[in-house]
PDB file of N, CA and C in Angstrom:
ATOM      1  N   GLU A   1       7.145  17.587  23.566  1.00  0.00           N
ATOM      2  CA  GLU A   1       8.260  17.290  23.182  1.00  0.00           C
ATOM      3  C   GLU A   1       8.455  16.586  24.719  1.00  0.00           C
ATOM      4  N   GLU A   2       8.326  17.409  25.344  1.00  0.00           N
ATOM      5  CA  GLU A   2       8.308  16.561  26.920  1.00  0.00           C
ATOM      6  C   GLU A   2       7.440  15.313  26.942  1.00  0.00           C
ATOM      7  N   VAL A   3       6.462  15.645  26.781  1.00  0.00           N
ATOM      8  CA  VAL A   3       5.348  14.597  26.615  1.00  0.00           C
ATOM      9  C   VAL A   3       5.670  13.394  25.612  1.00  0.00           C
ATOM     10  N   LEU A   4       6.232  13.647  25.231  1.00  0.00           N
ATOM     11  CA  LEU A   4       6.105  12.857  22.872  1.00  0.00           C
ATOM     12  C   LEU A   4       7.208  11.845  23.976  1.00  0.00           C
ATOM     13  N   VAL A   5       8.343  12.512  24.247  1.00  0.00           N
ATOM     14  CA  VAL A   5       9.996  11.605  24.497  1.00  0.00           C
ATOM     15  C   VAL A   5       9.001  11.079  25.958  1.00  0.00           C
ATOM     16  N   ARG A   6       8.118  11.016  27.454  1.00  0.00           N
ATOM     17  CA  ARG A   6       7.777  10.544  28.127  1.00  0.00           C
ATOM     18  C   ARG A   6       6.967   9.408  27.640  1.00  0.00           C
ATOM     19  N   LEU A   7       6.334   9.256  26.556  1.00  0.00           N
ATOM     20  CA  LEU A   7       5.289   8.348  25.877  1.00  0.00           C
ATOM     21  C   LEU A   7       6.090   7.214  25.489  1.00  0.00           C
ATOM     22  N   ALA A   8       7.282   7.783  24.819  1.00  0.00           N
ATOM     23  CA  ALA A   8       7.914   6.742  23.581  1.00  0.00           C
ATOM     24  C   ALA A   8       8.689   6.270  24.588  1.00  0.00           C
ATOM     25  N   ASP A   9       9.507   6.536  25.364  1.00  0.00           N
ATOM     26  CA  ASP A   9      10.766   6.475  26.305  1.00  0.00           C
ATOM     27  C   ASP A   9      10.270   5.375  27.960  1.00  0.00           C
ATOM     28  N   PHE A  10       9.167   6.062  27.945  1.00  0.00           N
ATOM     29  CA  PHE A  10       9.157   5.072  29.734  1.00  0.00           C
ATOM     30  C   PHE A  10       7.572   4.833  29.829  1.00  0.00           C
ATOM     31  N   ARG A  11       6.648   4.931  28.448  1.00  0.00           N
ATOM     32  CA  ARG A  11       5.251   4.343  28.665  1.00  0.00           C
ATOM     33  C   ARG A  11       5.263   2.919  28.216  1.00  0.00           C
ATOM     34  N   ASP A  12       6.065   2.568  27.138  1.00  0.00           N
ATOM     35  CA  ASP A  12       5.927   1.843  26.165  1.00  0.00           C
ATOM     36  C   ASP A  12       4.926   1.536  25.537  1.00  0.00           C
ATOM     37  N   VAL A  13       4.379   2.947  24.991  1.00  0.00           N
ATOM     38  CA  VAL A  13       3.757   3.204  23.924  1.00  0.00           C
ATOM     39  C   VAL A  13       4.155   2.835  22.616  1.00  0.00           C
ATOM     40  N   ASP A  14       3.418   2.376  21.762  1.00  0.00           N
ATOM     41  CA  ASP A  14       3.131   1.322  20.871  1.00  0.00           C
ATOM     42  C   ASP A  14       3.064   2.603  19.507  1.00  0.00           C
ATOM     43  N   LEU A  15       2.283   4.009  20.060  1.00  0.00           N
ATOM     44  CA  LEU A  15       1.784   4.295  18.885  1.00  0.00           C
ATOM     45  C   LEU A  15       1.534   5.624  19.604  1.00  0.00           C
ATOM     46  N   ILE A  16       1.817   6.842  19.204  1.00  0.00           N
ATOM     47  CA  ILE A  16       1.274   8.183  19.773  1.00  0.00           C
ATOM     48  C   ILE A  16       1.112   9.081  18.300  1.00  0.00           C
ATOM     49  N   LEU A  17      -0.470   9.294  18.581  1.00  0.00           N
ATOM     50  CA  LEU A  17      -1.020  10.715  17.744  1.00  0.00           C
ATOM     51  C   LEU A  17      -1.491  11.464  18.172  1.00  0.00           C
ATOM     52  N   THR A  18      -1.044  12.415  17.914  1.00  0.00           N
ATOM     53  CA  THR A  18      -0.926  14.116  18.487  1.00  0.00           C
ATOM     54  C   THR A  18      -2.051  14.423  16.947  1.00  0.00           C
ATOM     55  N   THR A  19      -2.621  15.428  17.680  1.00  0.00           N
ATOM     56  CA  THR A  19      -3.996  16.323  16.879  1.00  0.00           C
ATOM     57  C   THR A  19      -3.737  17.742  16.688  1.00  0.00           C
ATOM     58  N   GLY A  20      -3.602  17.983  15.534  1.00  0.00           N
ATOM     59  CA  GLY A  20      -3.526  19.669  15.643  1.00  0.00           C
ATOM     60  C   GLY A  20      -2.057  20.260  15.462  1.00  0.00           C
ATOM     61  N   GLY A  21      -2.096  21.578  15.637  1.00  0.00           N
ATOM     62  CA  GLY A  21      -1.062  22.306  15.625  1.00  0.00           C
ATOM     63  C   GLY A  21      -0.198  22.066  14.550  1.00  0.00           C
ATOM     64  N   THR A  22      -0.371  21.465  12.858  1.00  0.00           N
ATOM     65  CA  THR A  22       0.217  21.399  11.892  1.00  0.00           C
ATOM     66  C   THR A  22      -0.154  22.188  10.552  1.00  0.00           C
ATOM     67  N   GLY A  23      -0.764  23.389  11.232  1.00  0.00           N
ATOM     68  CA  GLY A  23      -1.023  24.423  10.342  1.00  0.00           C
ATOM     69  C   GLY A  23       0.221  25.504   9.763  1.00  0.00           C
ATOM     70  N   PHE A  24      -0.105  26.364   9.818  1.00  0.00           N
ATOM     71  CA  PHE A  24       1.108  27.803   9.384  1.00  0.00           C
ATOM     72  C   PHE A  24       1.655  28.789  10.176  1.00  0.00           C
ATOM     73  N   SER A  25       0.035  28.692  11.006  1.00  0.00           N
ATOM     74  CA  SER A  25       0.071  29.490  12.341  1.00  0.00           C
ATOM     75  C   SER A  25       1.168  29.528  13.280  1.00  0.00           C
ATOM     76  N   THR A  26       1.581  30.686  14.097  1.00  0.00           N
ATOM     77  CA  THR A  26       3.314  30.752  14.226  1.00  0.00           C
ATOM     78  C   THR A  26       2.696  29.974  15.696  1.00  0.00           C
ATOM     79  N   ARG A  27       1.475  29.089  16.182  1.00  0.00           N
ATOM     80  CA  ARG A  27       1.148  28.309  17.434  1.00  0.00           C
ATOM     81  C   ARG A  27       1.267  27.365  16.701  1.00  0.00           C
ATOM     82  N   ASP A  28       0.907  26.575  15.949  1.00  0.00           N
ATOM     83  CA  ASP A  28       1.353  25.275  15.712  1.00  0.00           C
ATOM     84  C   ASP A  28       3.208  24.844  15.320  1.00  0.00           C
ATOM     85  N   VAL A  29       3.538  23.884  16.530  1.00  0.00           N
ATOM     86  CA  VAL A  29       4.722  23.779  16.612  1.00  0.00           C
ATOM     87  C   VAL A  29       4.848  22.151  16.479  1.00  0.00           C
ATOM     88  N   THR A  30       3.378  21.477  16.517  1.00  0.00           N
ATOM     89  CA  THR A  30       3.134  20.147  16.263  1.00  0.00           C
ATOM     90  C   THR A  30       4.628  19.204  15.942  1.00  0.00           C
ATOM     91  N   PRO A  31       4.713  19.814  14.012  1.00  0.00           N
ATOM     92  CA  PRO A  31       5.722  19.001  13.323  1.00  0.00           C
ATOM     93  C   PRO A  31       7.567  19.041  14.041  1.00  0.00           C
ATOM     94  N   GLU A  32       7.751  20.641  14.434  1.00  0.00           N
ATOM     95  CA  GLU A  32       9.300  21.109  14.656  1.00  0.00           C
ATOM     96  C   GLU A  32       8.829  20.416  16.367  1.00  0.00           C
ATOM     97  N   ALA A  33       8.050  19.965  17.578  1.00  0.00           N
ATOM     98  CA  ALA A  33       8.406  19.194  18.467  1.00  0.00           C
ATOM     99  C   ALA A  33       8.552  18.027  18.059  1.00  0.00           C
ATOM    100  N   THR A  34       7.868  17.138  17.222  1.00  0.00           N
ATOM    101  CA  THR A  34       8.192  15.617  16.336  1.00  0.00           C
ATOM    102  C   THR A  34       9.484  15.627  16.354  1.00  0.00           C
ATOM    103  N   LEU A  35       9.847  16.185  15.019  1.00  0.00           N
ATOM    104  CA  LEU A  35      11.248  16.009  14.655  1.00  0.00           C
ATOM    105  C   LEU A  35      11.672  16.182  15.665  1.00  0.00           C
ATOM    106  N   ALA A  36      11.680  17.152  16.774  1.00  0.00           N
ATOM    107  CA  ALA A  36      12.733  16.850  17.486  1.00  0.00           C
ATOM    108  C   ALA A  36      13.352  16.334  18.106  1.00  0.00           C
ATOM    109  N   VAL A  37      12.100  15.395  18.250  1.00  0.00           N
ATOM    110  CA  VAL A  37      12.437  13.424  19.211  1.00  0.00           C
ATOM    111  C   VAL A  37      12.543  12.443  18.656  1.00  0.00           C
ATOM    112  N   ILE A  38      12.102  12.474  17.066  1.00  0.00           N
ATOM    113  CA  ILE A  38      11.772  10.985  16.449  1.00  0.00           C
ATOM    114  C   ILE A  38      13.615  10.980  16.428  1.00  0.00           C
ATOM    115  N   GLU A  39      14.038   9.572  15.961  1.00  0.00           N
ATOM    116  CA  GLU A  39      15.218   9.297  15.948  1.00  0.00           C
ATOM    117  C   GLU A  39      15.342   9.039  14.591  1.00  0.00           C
ATOM    118  N   ARG A  40      13.800   8.045  13.580  1.00  0.00           N
ATOM    119  CA  ARG A  40      13.750   8.130  11.893  1.00  0.00           C
ATOM    120  C   ARG A  40      12.423   8.514  11.815  1.00  0.00           C
ATOM    121  N   GLN A  41      12.648   8.858  10.501  1.00  0.00           N
ATOM    122  CA  GLN A  41      11.783   9.673   9.451  1.00  0.00           C
ATOM    123  C   GLN A  41      10.942   8.431   9.315  1.00  0.00           C
ATOM    124  N   ALA A  42       9.941   8.719   9.585  1.00  0.00           N
ATOM    125  CA  ALA A  42       8.453   7.251   8.511  1.00  0.00           C
ATOM    126  C   ALA A  42       7.543   8.443   7.551  1.00  0.00           C
ATOM    127  N   PRO A  43       8.012   8.775   6.684  1.00  0.00           N
ATOM    128  CA  PRO A  43       6.982   9.662   6.157  1.00  0.00           C
ATOM    129  C   PRO A  43       5.843   9.112   5.534  1.00  0.00           C
ATOM    130  N   GLY A  44       5.970   8.033   5.344  1.00  0.00           N
ATOM    131  CA  GLY A  44       4.711   7.472   4.276  1.00  0.00           C
ATOM    132  C   GLY A  44       3.366   8.210   4.665  1.00  0.00           C
ATOM    133  N   PHE A  45       3.446   8.139   6.308  1.00  0.00           N
ATOM    134  CA  PHE A  45       2.141   8.289   6.813  1.00  0.00           C
ATOM    135  C   PHE A  45       1.271   9.799   6.269  1.00  0.00           C
ATOM    136  N   ALA A  46       2.268  10.570   7.222  1.00  0.00           N
ATOM    137  CA  ALA A  46       2.034  12.078   6.779  1.00  0.00           C
ATOM    138  C   ALA A  46       1.727  12.060   5.434  1.00  0.00           C
ATOM    139  N   GLU A  47       2.093  11.557   4.511  1.00  0.00           N
ATOM    140  CA  GLU A  47       2.509  11.873   2.412  1.00  0.00           C
ATOM    141  C   GLU A  47       0.983  11.368   2.351  1.00  0.00           C
ATOM    142  N   ALA A  48       0.115   9.764   2.761  1.00  0.00           N
ATOM    143  CA  ALA A  48      -0.815   9.042   2.129  1.00  0.00           C
ATOM    144  C   ALA A  48      -1.966  10.017   3.010  1.00  0.00           C
ATOM    145  N   ILE A  49      -1.979  10.423   4.204  1.00  0.00           N
ATOM    146  CA  ILE A  49      -2.640  11.682   4.843  1.00  0.00           C
ATOM    147  C   ILE A  49      -2.846  12.796   3.641  1.00  0.00           C
ATOM    148  N   ARG A  50      -2.140  13.238   3.987  1.00  0.00           N
ATOM    149  CA  ARG A  50      -1.985  14.211   2.704  1.00  0.00           C
ATOM    150  C   ARG A  50      -2.422  14.280   1.197  1.00  0.00           C
ATOM    151  N   HIS A  51      -2.005  13.335   0.440  1.00  0.00           N
ATOM    152  CA  HIS A  51      -2.537  12.497  -0.221  1.00  0.00           C
ATOM    153  C   HIS A  51      -4.314  12.666  -0.083  1.00  0.00           C
ATOM    154  N   GLU A  52      -4.354  11.887   0.368  1.00  0.00           N
ATOM    155  CA  GLU A  52      -6.042  11.481  -0.024  1.00  0.00           C
ATOM    156  C   GLU A  52      -6.975  12.475   0.280  1.00  0.00           C
ATOM    157  N   SER A  53      -6.104  13.424   1.646  1.00  0.00           N
ATOM    158  CA  SER A  53      -6.399  14.285   1.940  1.00  0.00           C
ATOM    159  C   SER A  53      -7.256  15.526   0.777  1.00  0.00           C
ATOM    160  N   LEU A  54      -6.185  15.531   0.017  1.00  0.00           N
ATOM    161  CA  LEU A  54      -5.895  16.908  -1.102  1.00  0.00           C
ATOM    162  C   LEU A  54      -7.236  16.344  -2.135  1.00  0.00           C
ATOM    163  N   LYS A  55      -7.267  14.972  -2.262  1.00  0.00           N
ATOM    164  CA  LYS A  55      -8.954  15.078  -2.705  1.00  0.00           C
ATOM    165  C   LYS A  55     -10.396  15.467  -2.421  1.00  0.00           C
ATOM    166  N   ILE A  56     -10.300  16.417  -1.109  1.00  0.00           N
ATOM    167  CA  ILE A  56     -11.481  16.741   0.014  1.00  0.00           C
ATOM    168  C   ILE A  56     -11.270  17.801  -0.398  1.00  0.00           C
ATOM    169  N   THR A  57     -10.189  18.280   0.036  1.00  0.00           N
ATOM    170  CA  THR A  57     -10.352  19.727   0.319  1.00  0.00           C
ATOM    171  C   THR A  57      -8.601  20.468   0.056  1.00  0.00           C
ATOM    172  N   PRO A  58      -8.458  21.174  -1.015  1.00  0.00           N
ATOM    173  CA  PRO A  58      -7.037  22.257  -1.022  1.00  0.00           C
ATOM    174  C   PRO A  58      -6.356  22.544  -0.393  1.00  0.00           C
ATOM    175  N   HIS A  59      -6.489  22.790   1.398  1.00  0.00           N
ATOM    176  CA  HIS A  59      -5.946  22.977   2.102  1.00  0.00           C
ATOM    177  C   HIS A  59      -5.197  21.957   2.704  1.00  0.00           C
ATOM    178  N   ALA A  60      -5.503  21.202   2.178  1.00  0.00           N
ATOM    179  CA  ALA A  60      -4.476  20.053   2.786  1.00  0.00           C
ATOM    180  C   ALA A  60      -2.936  20.280   2.316  1.00  0.00           C
ATOM    181  N   MET A  61      -3.148  20.959   1.401  1.00  0.00           N
ATOM    182  CA  MET A  61      -1.648  21.205   1.527  1.00  0.00           C
ATOM    183  C   MET A  61      -0.855  22.191   2.354  1.00  0.00           C
ATOM    184  N   LEU A  62      -1.619  22.894   2.985  1.00  0.00           N
ATOM    185  CA  LEU A  62      -1.090  23.527   3.992  1.00  0.00           C
ATOM    186  C   LEU A  62      -0.900  22.660   5.715  1.00  0.00           C
ATOM    187  N   SER A  63      -1.575  21.496   5.260  1.00  0.00           N
ATOM    188  CA  SER A  63      -0.767  20.929   6.787  1.00  0.00           C
ATOM    189  C   SER A  63       1.159  20.380   6.434  1.00  0.00           C
ATOM    190  N   ARG A  64       1.581  20.441   7.712  1.00  0.00           N
ATOM    191  CA  ARG A  64       3.069  20.298   7.525  1.00  0.00           C
ATOM    192  C   ARG A  64       3.183  19.163   8.842  1.00  0.00           C
ATOM    193  N   ALA A  65       2.474  18.127   8.570  1.00  0.00           N
ATOM    194  CA  ALA A  65       2.447  17.314   9.603  1.00  0.00           C
ATOM    195  C   ALA A  65       4.077  16.180   9.203  1.00  0.00           C
ATOM    196  N   VAL A  66       4.029  15.793   9.980  1.00  0.00           N
ATOM    197  CA  VAL A  66       5.276  15.019   9.923  1.00  0.00           C
ATOM    198  C   VAL A  66       5.060  13.287  10.788  1.00  0.00           C
ATOM    199  N   SER A  67       5.616  12.163  10.920  1.00  0.00           N
ATOM    200  CA  SER A  67       5.456  11.160  10.994  1.00  0.00           C
ATOM    201  C   SER A  67       7.272  10.199  11.474  1.00  0.00           C
ATOM    202  N   GLY A  68       7.219  10.319  12.069  1.00  0.00           N
ATOM    203  CA  GLY A  68       8.466   9.389  12.603  1.00  0.00           C
ATOM    204  C   GLY A  68       8.217   8.427  13.644  1.00  0.00           C
ATOM    205  N   ILE A  69       9.792   8.141  14.528  1.00  0.00           N
ATOM    206  CA  ILE A  69       9.716   6.822  15.010  1.00  0.00           C
ATOM    207  C   ILE A  69      11.078   7.059  16.301  1.00  0.00           C
ATOM    208  N   ARG A  70      10.375   6.959  17.270  1.00  0.00           N
ATOM    209  CA  ARG A  70      11.127   6.586  18.362  1.00  0.00           C
ATOM    210  C   ARG A  70      11.391   5.779  19.389  1.00  0.00           C
ATOM    211  N   GLY A  71      12.374   4.756  19.634  1.00  0.00           N
ATOM    212  CA  GLY A  71      12.689   3.602  19.780  1.00  0.00           C
ATOM    213  C   GLY A  71      11.804   2.628  18.672  1.00  0.00           C
ATOM    214  N   LYS A  72      10.504   2.481  19.870  1.00  0.00           N
ATOM    215  CA  LYS A  72       9.705   1.429  19.260  1.00  0.00           C
ATOM    216  C   LYS A  72       8.513   2.231  19.508  1.00  0.00           C
ATOM    217  N   THR A  73       8.218   3.389  19.211  1.00  0.00           N
ATOM    218  CA  THR A  73       6.901   4.067  18.754  1.00  0.00           C
ATOM    219  C   THR A  73       7.188   4.493  17.761  1.00  0.00           C
ATOM    220  N   LEU A  74       5.817   4.940  17.010  1.00  0.00           N
ATOM    221  CA  LEU A  74       5.652   5.278  16.336  1.00  0.00           C
ATOM    222  C   LEU A  74       4.978   6.475  15.904  1.00  0.00           C
ATOM    223  N   ILE A  75       4.830   7.583  15.748  1.00  0.00           N
ATOM    224  CA  ILE A  75       4.360   8.937  16.437  1.00  0.00           C
ATOM    225  C   ILE A  75       3.972   9.674  15.047  1.00  0.00           C
ATOM    226  N   VAL A  76       2.579  10.241  14.753  1.00  0.00           N
ATOM    227  CA  VAL A  76       2.156  10.191  13.488  1.00  0.00           C
ATOM    228  C   VAL A  76       1.264  11.443  13.989  1.00  0.00           C
ATOM    229  N   ASN A  77       1.441  12.707  13.438  1.00  0.00           N
ATOM    230  CA  ASN A  77       1.311  13.958  13.726  1.00  0.00           C
ATOM    231  C   ASN A  77      -0.410  13.902  12.805  1.00  0.00           C
ATOM    232  N   MET A  78      -1.234  14.132  13.418  1.00  0.00           N
ATOM    233  CA  MET A  78      -2.673  14.171  12.790  1.00  0.00           C
ATOM    234  C   MET A  78      -3.469  15.228  12.266  1.00  0.00           C
ATOM    235  N   PRO A  79      -4.686  15.421  12.126  1.00  0.00           N
ATOM    236  CA  PRO A  79      -5.242  17.146  11.434  1.00  0.00           C
ATOM    237  C   PRO A  79      -5.509  17.402  13.011  1.00  0.00           C
ATOM    238  N   GLY A  80      -6.411  18.759  13.015  1.00  0.00           N
ATOM    239  CA  GLY A  80      -6.629  19.668  14.129  1.00  0.00           C
ATOM    240  C   GLY A  80      -8.425  18.925  14.600  1.00  0.00           C
ATOM    241  N   SER A  81      -9.344  18.702  13.348  1.00  0.00           N
ATOM    242  CA  SER A  81     -10.803  18.465  13.500  1.00  0.00           C
ATOM    243  C   SER A  81     -10.493  16.927  13.434  1.00  0.00           C
ATOM    244  N   PRO A  82     -11.963  17.185  14.037  1.00  0.00           N
ATOM    245  CA  PRO A  82     -12.121  15.199  14.489  1.00  0.00           C
ATOM    246  C   PRO A  82     -12.834  14.550  13.215  1.00  0.00           C
ATOM    247  N   LYS A  83     -13.970  15.596  12.584  1.00  0.00           N
ATOM    248  CA  LYS A  83     -13.690  15.088  10.643  1.00  0.00           C
ATOM    249  C   LYS A  83     -12.448  14.816  10.174  1.00  0.00           C
ATOM    250  N   ALA A  84     -11.488  15.182  10.213  1.00  0.00           N
ATOM    251  CA  ALA A  84     -10.423  15.080   9.665  1.00  0.00           C
ATOM    252  C   ALA A  84      -9.806  14.169  10.087  1.00  0.00           C
ATOM    253  N   VAL A  85      -9.377  13.574  11.877  1.00  0.00           N
ATOM    254  CA  VAL A  85      -9.246  12.913  11.655  1.00  0.00           C
ATOM    255  C   VAL A  85      -9.412  11.464  12.130  1.00  0.00           C
ATOM    256  N   ARG A  86     -10.689  11.303  11.880  1.00  0.00           N
ATOM    257  CA  ARG A  86     -11.611  10.506  11.422  1.00  0.00           C
ATOM    258  C   ARG A  86     -10.933   9.939  10.000  1.00  0.00           C
ATOM    259  N   GLU A  87     -10.933  10.487   8.780  1.00  0.00           N
ATOM    260  CA  GLU A  87     -10.571  10.483   7.172  1.00  0.00           C
ATOM    261  C   GLU A  87      -9.331   9.916   7.721  1.00  0.00           C
ATOM    262  N   SER A  88      -8.433  10.959   8.101  1.00  0.00           N
ATOM    263  CA  SER A  88      -6.671  10.025   8.488  1.00  0.00           C
ATOM    264  C   SER A  88      -6.980   8.617   8.722  1.00  0.00           C
ATOM    265  N   MET A  89      -7.117   8.495   9.987  1.00  0.00           N
ATOM    266  CA  MET A  89      -7.114   6.809  10.282  1.00  0.00           C
ATOM    267  C   MET A  89      -7.599   5.797   8.800  1.00  0.00           C
ATOM    268  N   GLN A  90      -8.414   5.977   8.285  1.00  0.00           N
ATOM    269  CA  GLN A  90      -9.010   5.326   7.650  1.00  0.00           C
ATOM    270  C   GLN A  90      -8.024   5.375   6.403  1.00  0.00           C
ATOM    271  N   VAL A  91      -7.494   6.312   6.483  1.00  0.00           N
ATOM    272  CA  VAL A  91      -5.683   6.423   5.418  1.00  0.00           C
ATOM    273  C   VAL A  91      -5.129   5.570   5.733  1.00  0.00           C
ATOM    274  N   ILE A  92      -4.449   5.550   7.247  1.00  0.00           N
ATOM    275  CA  ILE A  92      -3.410   5.216   8.217  1.00  0.00           C
ATOM    276  C   ILE A  92      -3.568   3.427   8.480  1.00  0.00           C
ATOM    277  N   LEU A  93      -5.008   3.292   8.564  1.00  0.00           N
ATOM    278  CA  LEU A  93      -5.282   2.501   9.525  1.00  0.00           C
ATOM    279  C   LEU A  93      -4.872   0.641   8.406  1.00  0.00           C
ATOM    280  N   PRO A  94      -5.023   1.009   7.535  1.00  0.00           N
ATOM    281  CA  PRO A  94      -4.547  -0.322   6.494  1.00  0.00           C
ATOM    282  C   PRO A  94      -3.086  -1.322   6.756  1.00  0.00           C
ATOM    283  N   ALA A  95      -2.298   0.024   7.205  1.00  0.00           N
ATOM    284  CA  ALA A  95      -0.656  -0.226   7.431  1.00  0.00           C
ATOM    285  C   ALA A  95       0.086  -0.131   8.852  1.00  0.00           C
ATOM    286  N   LEU A  96      -0.816   0.637   9.474  1.00  0.00           N
ATOM    287  CA  LEU A  96      -0.437   0.305  11.086  1.00  0.00           C
ATOM    288  C   LEU A  96      -0.485  -0.855  11.580  1.00  0.00           C
ATOM    289  N   PRO A  97      -1.195  -1.682  11.584  1.00  0.00           N
ATOM    290  CA  PRO A  97      -0.752  -3.188  12.147  1.00  0.00           C
ATOM    291  C   PRO A  97       0.547  -3.752  11.981  1.00  0.00           C
ATOM    292  N   HIS A  98       0.710  -3.597  10.216  1.00  0.00           N
ATOM    293  CA  HIS A  98       2.356  -4.621   9.791  1.00  0.00           C
ATOM    294  C   HIS A  98       3.233  -3.874  10.421  1.00  0.00           C
ATOM    295  N   GLY A  99       3.005  -2.453  10.928  1.00  0.00           N
ATOM    296  CA  GLY A  99       4.067  -1.050  10.648  1.00  0.00           C
ATOM    297  C   GLY A  99       4.426  -0.930  12.433  1.00  0.00           C
ATOM    298  N   LEU A 100       3.725  -1.482  13.495  1.00  0.00           N
ATOM    299  CA  LEU A 100       3.679  -1.431  14.730  1.00  0.00           C
ATOM    300  C   LEU A 100       4.284  -3.018  15.152  1.00  0.00           C
ATOM    301  N   GLN A 101       3.565  -3.882  14.302  1.00  0.00           N
ATOM    302  CA  GLN A 101       4.481  -5.381  14.186  1.00  0.00           C
ATOM    303  C   GLN A 101       6.046  -5.566  14.000  1.00  0.00           C
ATOM    304  N   ILE A 102       6.158  -5.036  12.865  1.00  0.00           N
ATOM    305  CA  ILE A 102       8.558  -4.376  12.642  1.00  0.00           C
ATOM    306  C   ILE A 102       8.752  -4.004  13.642  1.00  0.00           C
ATOM    307  N   LEU A 103       8.086  -2.844  14.073  1.00  0.00           N
ATOM    308  CA  LEU A 103       8.700  -1.790  15.654  1.00  0.00           C
ATOM    309  C   LEU A 103       8.838  -2.549  16.636  1.00  0.00           C
ATOM    310  N   LYS A 104       7.640  -3.347  16.777  1.00  0.00           N
ATOM    311  CA  LYS A 104       8.256  -4.438  18.225  1.00  0.00           C
ATOM    312  C   LYS A 104       8.672  -5.467  17.803  1.00  0.00           C
ATOM    313  N   GLY A 105       9.652  -6.596  16.712  1.00  0.00           N
ATOM    314  CA  GLY A 105       9.931  -7.159  16.468  1.00  0.00           C
ATOM    315  C   GLY A 105       9.375  -8.468  16.487  1.00  0.00           C
ATOM    316  N   GLN A 106       8.204  -8.499  15.820  1.00  0.00           N
ATOM    317  CA  GLN A 106       7.311  -9.209  15.668  1.00  0.00           C
ATOM    318  C   GLN A 106       7.414  -9.581  14.376  1.00  0.00           C
ATOM    319  N   THR A 107       7.349  -9.039  13.449  1.00  0.00           N
ATOM    320  CA  THR A 107       7.423  -9.440  12.091  1.00  0.00           C
ATOM    321  C   THR A 107       8.681  -9.284  11.133  1.00  0.00           C
ATOM    322  N   SER A 108       9.136  -9.884  10.353  1.00  0.00           N
ATOM    323  CA  SER A 108       9.912  -9.141   9.359  1.00  0.00           C
ATOM    324  C   SER A 108       9.463  -8.335   8.740  1.00  0.00           C
ATOM    325  N   GLU A 109      10.433  -7.134   7.818  1.00  0.00           N
ATOM    326  CA  GLU A 109       9.766  -6.233   6.911  1.00  0.00           C
ATOM    327  C   GLU A 109       9.290  -7.403   5.632  1.00  0.00           C
ATOM    328  N   CYS A 110       8.247  -6.241   4.797  1.00  0.00           N
ATOM    329  CA  CYS A 110       7.679  -7.462   3.735  1.00  0.00           C
ATOM    330  C   CYS A 110       8.802  -7.637   2.819  1.00  0.00           C
ATOM    331  N   ALA A 111       9.828  -6.833   2.508  1.00  0.00           N
ATOM    332  CA  ALA A 111      10.773  -7.192   1.174  1.00  0.00           C
ATOM    333  C   ALA A 111      11.013  -8.539   1.426  1.00  0.00           C
ATOM    334  N   SER A 112      12.045  -8.617   3.195  1.00  0.00           N
ATOM    335  CA  SER A 112      12.102  -9.806   3.412  1.00  0.00           C
ATOM    336  C   SER A 112      11.343 -11.252   3.199  1.00  0.00           C
ATOM    337  N   GLN A 113      10.529 -10.997   3.658  1.00  0.00           N
ATOM    338  CA  GLN A 113       8.792 -11.856   2.962  1.00  0.00           C
ATOM    339  C   GLN A 113       9.307 -11.914   1.429  1.00  0.00           C
ATOM    340  N   GLU A 114       8.912 -11.424   0.673  1.00  0.00           N
ATOM    341  CA  GLU A 114       8.991 -11.429  -0.583  1.00  0.00           C
ATOM    342  C   GLU A 114      10.230 -12.207  -1.207  1.00  0.00           C
ATOM    343  N   HIS A 115      11.167 -11.565  -0.700  1.00  0.00           N
ATOM    344  CA  HIS A 115      12.434 -12.486  -1.335  1.00  0.00           C
ATOM    345  C   HIS A 115      12.962 -13.457  -1.097  1.00  0.00           C
ATOM    346  N   ALA A 116      12.025 -13.735   0.574  1.00  0.00           N
ATOM    347  CA  ALA A 116      12.190 -15.729   0.932  1.00  0.00           C
ATOM    348  C   ALA A 116      10.985 -16.367   0.179  1.00  0.00           C
ATOM    349  N   LYS A 117      10.025 -15.913  -0.430  1.00  0.00           N
ATOM    350  CA  LYS A 117       8.941 -16.190  -1.424  1.00  0.00           C
ATOM    351  C   LYS A 117       9.732 -16.826  -2.954  1.00  0.00           C
ATOM    352  N   THR A 118      10.531 -15.846  -3.315  1.00  0.00           N
ATOM    353  CA  THR A 118      11.548 -15.863  -4.081  1.00  0.00           C
ATOM    354  C   THR A 118      12.551 -16.573  -4.243  1.00  0.00           C
ATOM    355  N   THR A 119      13.478 -16.613  -3.532  1.00  0.00           N
ATOM    356  CA  THR A 119      14.897 -17.389  -3.319  1.00  0.00           C
ATOM    357  C   THR A 119      14.106 -18.754  -2.861  1.00  0.00           C
ATOM    358  N   ASN A 120      13.358 -18.730  -2.698  1.00  0.00           N
ATOM    359  CA  ASN A 120      12.758 -20.265  -1.779  1.00  0.00           C
ATOM    360  C   ASN A 120      11.840 -21.601  -2.570  1.00  0.00           C
ATOM    361  N   GLY A 121      11.371 -21.045  -3.958  1.00  0.00           N
ATOM    362  CA  GLY A 121      10.092 -21.832  -4.452  1.00  0.00           C
ATOM    363  C   GLY A 121       8.780 -20.757  -4.958  1.00  0.00           C
TER     364      GLY A 121
END
């Protein structure tokens, strides 16, 4: 928890990716640490990773990974194996830039842009 808070609050970090500690073992406490420090949940990242990972292995349903926002920092729990991390990155990379831009106030929400298009012509 301490490290997550320090990175998010004092290091001006846009994205924190944790690796491992998301399973059923008693030593797997990454989701609890993440939930203790985030201010808002962003479940889509963890859900998308689980969804795609289930296509590869049924063990993906054993993941308790979470994702959320603290300040302007996105925190995403990733799997422990390097191969699974690479696969997970391929899943979340398409949405990451836009999500991080929204957090930093550099762009508006998708729905706002769509609303403007429909009301302005």
